[in-house]
Amino acid sequence: MEELEEYLIQNFDVSKNEIDNVLEKFQLIEIKKNEYLLRSGDICEYIYFVVSGCLRTFFYNSEGFDSTRYIAFENNFIGPLHSFIQQIPSNENISAVEQSKVLRISHRDFKEGMNSIPVIKDLYIQFLEKAYIMNYWRIETFLSLDAKERYVYLFNNNKLMIKRLPNKILASFIGIAPESLSRIKSKI
């Protein structure tokens, strides 16, 4: 819980009492590499805060290949918001890229917290903003950059992804085949 407490202190003007109220709503769980937290067709009942490790959200495209939409490393939240907000079945999966520890908050506790703990509303706004920025970046780069340029952009701006993600997942994130990524990497 120390990681979430530190995250709250660094990002928000929050009292010790408010931190304690937030922390009591979260539950720590450990996930093995490749284990699923959510499968397509299920309703997203939790939002997750990554304490250690890496999670991803992904879906299967029309050809049956997975397409990674979002990656969350330490000190980031993850969850398919469309399913969590509306409590409808998700078309996405969440799985662990690495063995991970996460804190999760249920939809019910989250909604109750939004009404009684101001910093939970602030967390929600921040999560929405980060999701919007990531989605904007994805759309912009997919429309304006070719595969090599997308990889170079990540190489220059997000070395953590380059360093920690397997080629298959990295390729899925930037929208290319793993073989194409290998060719690009060999030329750079």
Protein backbone atom coordinates (compact mmCIF):
# COMPACT_ATOMS: atom_id res chain seq x y z
CA MET A 1 0.00 0.00 0.00
CA GLU A 2 3.00 2.30 0.42
CA GLU A 3 3.26 2.76 -3.34
CA LEU A 4 -0.30 4.04 -3.66
CA GLU A 5 0.13 6.23 -0.58
CA GLU A 6 3.28 7.76 -2.10
CA TYR A 7 1.50 8.21 -5.44
CA LEU A 8 -1.33 10.12 -3.72
CA ILE A 9 1.09 12.32 -1.77
CA GLN A 10 3.10 13.16 -4.89
CA ASN A 11 0.12 13.88 -7.13
CA PHE A 12 -2.57 15.40 -4.93
CA ASP A 13 -3.10 17.72 -2.00
CA VAL A 14 -4.36 15.04 0.37
CA SER A 15 -4.64 14.56 4.14
CA LYS A 16 -3.47 11.49 6.06
CA ASN A 17 -7.10 10.72 6.91
CA GLU A 18 -8.09 10.88 3.24
CA ILE A 19 -5.19 8.59 2.30
CA ASP A 20 -6.27 6.06 4.93
CA ASN A 21 -9.85 6.18 3.61
CA VAL A 22 -8.62 5.54 0.07
CA LEU A 23 -6.26 2.72 1.03
CA GLU A 24 -8.94 0.81 2.91
CA LYS A 25 -10.93 0.53 -0.34
CA PHE A 26 -8.08 -1.22 -2.19
CA GLN A 27 -7.07 -4.86 -2.05
CA LEU A 28 -3.59 -6.19 -2.91
CA ILE A 29 -3.38 -9.14 -5.29
CA GLU A 30 -0.51 -10.89 -7.04
CA ILE A 31 -0.72 -11.98 -10.66
CA LYS A 32 1.49 -14.46 -12.45
CA LYS A 33 2.93 -13.66 -15.86
CA ASN A 34 0.30 -14.19 -18.60
CA GLU A 35 -2.52 -14.49 -16.03
CA TYR A 36 -5.76 -12.73 -16.94
CA LEU A 37 -7.54 -10.22 -14.71
CA LEU A 38 -10.32 -9.70 -17.24
CA ARG A 39 -11.45 -11.64 -20.28
CA SER A 40 -13.37 -10.32 -23.23
CA GLY A 41 -17.09 -10.68 -22.59
CA ASP A 42 -16.79 -10.13 -18.83
CA ILE A 43 -17.79 -6.92 -17.08
CA CYS A 44 -14.87 -4.95 -15.66
CA GLU A 45 -15.55 -4.96 -11.91
CA TYR A 46 -12.19 -3.46 -10.86
CA ILE A 47 -9.72 -0.72 -11.67
CA TYR A 48 -6.11 -1.71 -10.96
CA PHE A 49 -3.12 0.26 -9.70
CA VAL A 50 0.18 -1.39 -10.66
CA VAL A 51 2.50 -1.69 -7.65
CA SER A 52 5.09 -3.79 -9.48
CA GLY A 53 5.23 -5.44 -12.86
CA CYS A 54 3.34 -4.67 -16.04
CA LEU A 55 -0.21 -5.21 -17.29
CA ARG A 56 -1.78 -4.68 -20.68
CA THR A 57 -5.23 -4.32 -22.16
CA PHE A 58 -5.74 -5.93 -25.54
CA PHE A 59 -8.38 -7.28 -27.88
CA TYR A 60 -8.36 -9.68 -30.79
CA ASN A 61 -8.70 -8.14 -34.25
CA SER A 62 -10.70 -9.60 -37.14
CA GLU A 63 -7.78 -11.83 -38.16
CA GLY A 64 -7.46 -13.29 -34.65
CA PHE A 65 -4.27 -11.42 -33.72
CA ASP A 66 -4.10 -9.55 -30.46
CA SER A 67 -3.89 -5.78 -30.54
CA THR A 68 -2.51 -4.10 -27.44
CA ARG A 69 -4.31 -0.88 -26.60
CA TYR A 70 -2.70 0.12 -23.31
CA ILE A 71 0.35 -0.76 -21.22
CA ALA A 72 0.60 0.01 -17.49
CA PHE A 73 3.84 -0.16 -15.57
CA GLU A 74 4.37 0.73 -11.92
CA ASN A 75 2.38 3.66 -10.52
CA ASN A 76 -0.23 3.58 -13.27
CA PHE A 77 -3.89 2.63 -13.30
CA ILE A 78 -5.40 0.25 -15.83
CA GLY A 79 -8.85 -0.96 -16.73
CA PRO A 80 -11.15 -0.74 -19.75
CA LEU A 81 -13.11 2.34 -18.76
CA HIS A 82 -16.02 1.75 -21.14
CA SER A 83 -16.84 -1.50 -19.34
CA PHE A 84 -16.06 -0.21 -15.85
CA ILE A 85 -18.11 2.98 -16.18
CA GLN A 86 -21.14 1.45 -17.89
CA GLN A 87 -20.87 -2.00 -16.27
CA ILE A 88 -21.23 -3.66 -19.65
CA PRO A 89 -19.23 -6.58 -21.08
CA SER A 90 -15.76 -5.61 -22.22
CA ASN A 91 -14.34 -6.40 -25.64
CA GLU A 92 -10.87 -6.24 -24.08
CA ASN A 93 -8.72 -8.47 -21.93
CA ILE A 94 -6.32 -7.50 -19.15
CA SER A 95 -3.32 -9.73 -18.58
CA ALA A 96 0.01 -9.57 -16.80
CA VAL A 97 3.03 -9.07 -19.06
CA GLU A 98 5.28 -9.74 -16.05
CA GLN A 99 4.64 -11.20 -12.64
CA SER A 100 2.88 -8.30 -10.97
CA LYS A 101 1.42 -6.94 -7.76
CA VAL A 102 -1.61 -4.71 -8.11
CA LEU A 103 -4.06 -2.93 -5.88
CA ARG A 104 -7.64 -3.17 -7.04
CA ILE A 105 -10.74 -1.20 -6.20
CA SER A 106 -14.20 -2.52 -6.97
CA HIS A 107 -16.74 -0.60 -8.99
CA ARG A 108 -18.99 -0.30 -5.93
CA ASP A 109 -16.19 0.98 -3.65
CA PHE A 110 -15.01 3.33 -6.37
CA LYS A 111 -18.47 4.84 -6.85
CA GLU A 112 -19.00 5.17 -3.08
CA GLY A 113 -15.54 6.72 -2.72
CA MET A 114 -16.26 9.26 -5.46
CA ASN A 115 -19.08 10.60 -3.28
CA SER A 116 -17.25 10.55 0.05
CA ILE A 117 -13.50 10.85 -0.60
CA PRO A 118 -12.56 13.85 -2.80
CA VAL A 119 -9.18 12.45 -3.90
CA ILE A 120 -10.89 9.45 -5.53
CA LYS A 121 -12.65 11.89 -7.85
CA ASP A 122 -9.25 13.49 -8.53
CA LEU A 123 -7.76 10.05 -9.29
CA TYR A 124 -10.61 9.38 -11.68
CA ILE A 125 -10.10 12.68 -13.51
CA GLN A 126 -6.36 12.02 -13.77
CA PHE A 127 -7.01 8.47 -15.07
CA LEU A 128 -9.43 9.81 -17.69
CA GLU A 129 -6.94 12.48 -18.76
CA LYS A 130 -4.10 9.97 -19.13
CA ALA A 131 -6.35 7.61 -21.08
CA TYR A 132 -7.41 10.43 -23.39
CA ILE A 133 -3.81 11.53 -24.00
CA MET A 134 -2.70 7.95 -24.73
CA ASN A 135 -5.60 7.37 -27.10
CA TYR A 136 -4.96 10.68 -28.85
CA TRP A 137 -1.28 9.75 -29.28
CA ARG A 138 -2.22 6.33 -30.64
CA ILE A 139 -4.67 7.76 -33.17
CA GLU A 140 -2.30 10.54 -34.25
CA THR A 141 0.70 8.23 -34.71
CA PHE A 142 -1.30 5.54 -36.48
CA LEU A 143 -2.62 8.11 -38.93
CA SER A 144 0.56 10.13 -39.47
CA LEU A 145 3.56 7.81 -38.92
CA ASP A 146 4.65 4.63 -40.62
CA ALA A 147 5.68 1.57 -38.60
CA LYS A 148 9.36 2.52 -38.41
CA GLU A 149 8.53 6.07 -37.30
CA ARG A 150 6.21 4.75 -34.56
CA TYR A 151 8.98 2.50 -33.25
CA VAL A 152 11.56 5.31 -33.39
CA TYR A 153 9.16 7.57 -31.53
CA LEU A 154 8.80 5.00 -28.75
CA PHE A 155 12.55 4.40 -28.75
CA ASN A 156 13.18 8.12 -28.23
CA ASN A 157 10.32 8.81 -25.83
CA ASN A 158 9.48 5.62 -23.93
CA LYS A 159 12.54 3.45 -23.46
CA LEU A 160 10.77 1.60 -20.64
CA MET A 161 8.43 0.00 -23.18
CA ILE A 162 11.33 -0.89 -25.47
CA LYS A 163 13.30 -2.37 -22.58
CA ARG A 164 10.58 -4.34 -20.80
CA LEU A 165 8.06 -5.46 -23.40
CA PRO A 166 8.57 -8.64 -25.42
CA ASN A 167 8.77 -7.98 -29.17
CA LYS A 168 5.39 -9.62 -29.77
CA ILE A 169 3.60 -7.25 -27.37
CA LEU A 170 5.58 -4.20 -28.48
CA ALA A 171 4.70 -4.98 -32.11
CA SER A 172 1.05 -5.41 -31.11
CA PHE A 173 1.12 -2.02 -29.37
CA ILE A 174 2.48 -0.15 -32.39
CA GLY A 175 0.29 -2.06 -34.82
CA ILE A 176 2.76 -4.17 -36.79
CA ALA A 177 3.70 -7.81 -37.14
CA PRO A 178 6.50 -9.10 -34.87
CA GLU A 179 8.56 -9.95 -37.96
CA SER A 180 8.30 -6.35 -39.16
CA LEU A 181 9.42 -5.11 -35.77
CA SER A 182 12.46 -7.41 -35.90
CA ARG A 183 13.40 -6.01 -39.31
CA ILE A 184 12.98 -2.43 -38.10
CA LYS A 185 15.07 -3.07 -34.97
CA SER A 186 17.86 -4.67 -37.02
CA LYS A 187 18.16 -1.52 -39.18
CA ILE A 188 18.29 0.96 -36.30
